Amino acid sequence: MKRISLVVMIVSLAAGFLIPAQEQQPGQQQEPPAVQAPPPVPGAFTYNPEGRRDPFKDLLGGRDTKEKNPTGGISQVAVEDLVLIGITKTKKGITAIVGSSQGLPYFVTVGDKFVDGYVLSITESKVVFRKTHDRGVPLVRARDITKEINPEER
């Protein structure tokens, strides 16, 4: 019973759309309806700057957005979060390979800065970090943190 009523409804809707299309005479051309803008709605939002800046204007004025100090990378990692992966010798000296808590490896040399300290020294088996801040507060006395390579991994 439901199927029959559904079929009858579909046929009646299809007939309603086809009949007006057939009524048009072949010699007659139907004019397209004129497009009109809708009337303004009372209470609709309008913007009046009244001396304020345009909120859609480019604030940088087309200048390059590259920063001198990148917002990510090794400079945003804490010394305690670092894991010493390895130490290599290069033409410029000794370089340490450290891993962050995100699992990303970084190559650091003496003097590289972190969010709370810097690399003090690198030897063939250990790296010494100097911690100068704790949770953003400068320490009265800087602490040295030593990270060594396990003897089995040398």
Protein backbone atom coordinates (compact mmCIF):
# COMPACT_ATOMS: atom_id res chain seq x y z
CA MET A 1 0.00 0.00 0.00
CA LYS A 2 2.86 2.37 0.86
CA ARG A 3 4.57 1.63 -2.44
CA ILE A 4 1.46 2.44 -4.43
CA SER A 5 0.97 5.76 -2.67
CA LEU A 6 4.65 6.61 -3.17
CA VAL A 7 4.45 5.83 -6.91
CA VAL A 8 1.27 7.91 -7.28
CA MET A 9 2.93 10.85 -5.52
CA ILE A 10 6.03 10.70 -7.73
CA VAL A 11 3.93 10.51 -10.92
CA SER A 12 1.79 13.47 -9.86
CA LEU A 13 4.86 15.59 -9.06
CA ALA A 14 6.47 14.69 -12.40
CA ALA A 15 3.25 15.56 -14.26
CA GLY A 16 3.10 18.91 -12.48
CA PHE A 17 6.57 19.82 -13.76
CA LEU A 18 6.08 18.52 -17.32
CA ILE A 19 2.69 20.10 -18.09
CA PRO A 20 3.81 23.78 -17.88
CA ALA A 21 6.81 22.98 -20.07
CA GLN A 22 4.53 21.52 -22.77
CA GLU A 23 2.17 24.52 -22.77
CA GLN A 24 4.79 26.79 -24.36
CA GLN A 25 4.23 27.27 -28.10
CA PRO A 26 7.23 26.45 -30.32
CA GLY A 27 7.20 29.93 -31.93
CA GLN A 28 7.04 31.80 -28.64
CA GLN A 29 10.14 32.68 -26.72
CA GLN A 30 9.84 33.00 -23.01
CA GLU A 31 11.55 36.05 -21.52
CA PRO A 32 13.85 35.42 -18.56
CA PRO A 33 12.59 36.95 -15.33
CA ALA A 34 14.29 40.22 -14.32
CA VAL A 35 16.79 39.85 -11.49
CA GLN A 36 16.10 42.23 -8.65
CA ALA A 37 18.01 42.80 -5.47
CA PRO A 38 16.07 41.80 -2.38
CA PRO A 39 14.70 44.71 -0.37
CA PRO A 40 16.77 45.69 2.69
CA VAL A 41 15.78 43.88 5.82
CA PRO A 42 14.99 46.11 8.77
CA GLY A 43 17.61 45.66 11.48
CA ALA A 44 20.20 44.23 9.07
CA PHE A 45 23.87 44.81 9.94
CA THR A 46 25.67 47.75 8.36
CA TYR A 47 29.21 48.93 9.11
CA ASN A 48 29.95 52.57 9.87
CA PRO A 49 33.68 53.09 10.61
CA GLU A 50 33.34 56.54 12.25
CA GLY A 51 37.10 57.14 12.30
CA ARG A 52 38.11 53.58 13.22
CA ARG A 53 40.43 51.52 11.07
CA ASP A 54 39.08 49.18 8.40
CA PRO A 55 39.03 45.66 9.90
CA PHE A 56 39.71 44.11 6.50
CA LYS A 57 42.80 46.19 5.69
CA ASP A 58 46.14 44.34 5.62
CA LEU A 59 47.92 45.24 8.86
CA LEU A 60 51.36 44.31 7.53
CA GLY A 61 51.02 46.55 4.49
CA GLY A 62 52.55 43.94 2.17
CA ARG A 63 55.75 43.53 4.21
CA ASP A 64 57.41 40.14 4.44
CA THR A 65 56.20 38.08 7.42
CA LYS A 66 59.41 36.13 8.03
CA GLU A 67 60.58 36.44 11.61
CA LYS A 68 64.19 36.73 12.68
CA ASN A 69 63.59 34.26 15.51
CA PRO A 70 61.46 31.29 14.43
CA THR A 71 58.58 30.43 16.76
CA GLY A 72 59.26 26.69 16.74
CA GLY A 73 62.22 24.37 16.66
CA ILE A 74 64.97 23.75 19.16
CA SER A 75 64.70 27.17 20.79
CA GLN A 76 61.29 26.19 22.24
CA VAL A 77 62.44 22.92 23.86
CA ALA A 78 63.33 22.62 27.56
CA VAL A 79 66.69 21.12 28.56
CA GLU A 80 65.04 18.38 30.66
CA ASP A 81 62.99 17.25 27.66
CA LEU A 82 66.10 16.52 25.58
CA VAL A 83 67.47 13.02 25.06
CA LEU A 84 71.05 12.59 23.87
CA ILE A 85 71.02 10.38 20.78
CA GLY A 86 74.60 10.67 19.61
CA ILE A 87 77.70 12.79 19.17
CA THR A 88 79.48 13.33 15.86
CA LYS A 89 82.70 15.01 14.78
CA THR A 90 82.50 17.43 11.88
CA LYS A 91 84.91 19.84 10.23
CA LYS A 92 83.55 22.63 12.44
CA GLY A 93 83.93 20.64 15.66
CA ILE A 94 81.84 18.29 17.72
CA THR A 95 78.07 18.24 17.19
CA ALA A 96 75.52 16.52 19.41
CA ILE A 97 72.34 14.91 18.13
CA VAL A 98 69.50 15.34 20.60
CA GLY A 99 65.87 14.29 20.45
CA SER A 100 62.90 16.25 21.74
CA SER A 101 59.75 14.97 23.41
CA GLN A 102 58.01 15.17 20.02
CA GLY A 103 60.53 12.70 18.62
CA LEU A 104 62.30 15.18 16.36
CA PRO A 105 66.11 15.04 16.15
CA TYR A 106 68.18 18.23 16.31
CA PHE A 107 71.87 18.88 15.72
CA VAL A 108 73.24 21.20 18.40
CA THR A 109 76.64 22.80 18.93
CA VAL A 110 78.17 24.74 21.80
CA GLY A 111 76.21 27.93 22.45
CA ASP A 112 72.86 26.81 20.98
CA LYS A 113 70.02 28.21 23.08
CA PHE A 114 66.91 26.52 24.44
CA VAL A 115 63.87 27.90 26.20
CA ASP A 116 65.52 27.53 29.62
CA GLY A 117 69.27 27.28 28.94
CA TYR A 118 72.01 26.60 26.42
CA VAL A 119 74.73 24.10 25.46
CA LEU A 120 77.80 24.71 27.64
CA SER A 121 80.16 22.05 26.27
CA ILE A 122 80.30 18.89 24.18
CA THR A 123 82.86 16.11 24.55
CA GLU A 124 83.12 12.72 22.85
CA SER A 125 80.86 11.04 25.41
CA LYS A 126 78.75 13.74 27.06
CA VAL A 127 76.98 17.07 26.61
CA VAL A 128 76.74 19.67 29.37
CA PHE A 129 73.73 22.00 29.35
CA ARG A 130 73.51 25.10 31.52
CA LYS A 131 70.01 25.70 32.83
CA THR A 132 69.41 29.41 33.45
CA HIS A 133 65.61 29.52 33.83
CA ASP A 134 63.01 27.37 35.54
CA ARG A 135 59.46 27.72 34.18
CA GLY A 136 60.29 31.15 32.80
CA VAL A 137 61.80 32.48 36.05
CA PRO A 138 65.56 33.19 36.02
CA LEU A 139 67.54 31.03 38.42
CA VAL A 140 69.70 32.75 41.02
CA ARG A 141 72.41 30.20 40.44
CA ALA A 142 72.59 28.43 37.08
CA ARG A 143 72.53 24.61 37.11
CA ASP A 144 74.61 22.35 34.88
CA ILE A 145 72.86 19.27 33.49
CA THR A 146 75.05 16.54 32.02
CA LYS A 147 73.70 14.01 29.54
CA GLU A 148 75.96 11.09 28.68
CA ILE A 149 75.91 8.40 26.06
CA ASN A 150 75.55 4.91 27.49
CA PRO A 151 78.85 2.98 27.32
CA GLU A 152 77.13 0.26 25.25
CA GLU A 153 76.21 2.79 22.57
CA ARG A 154 79.68 4.32 22.10
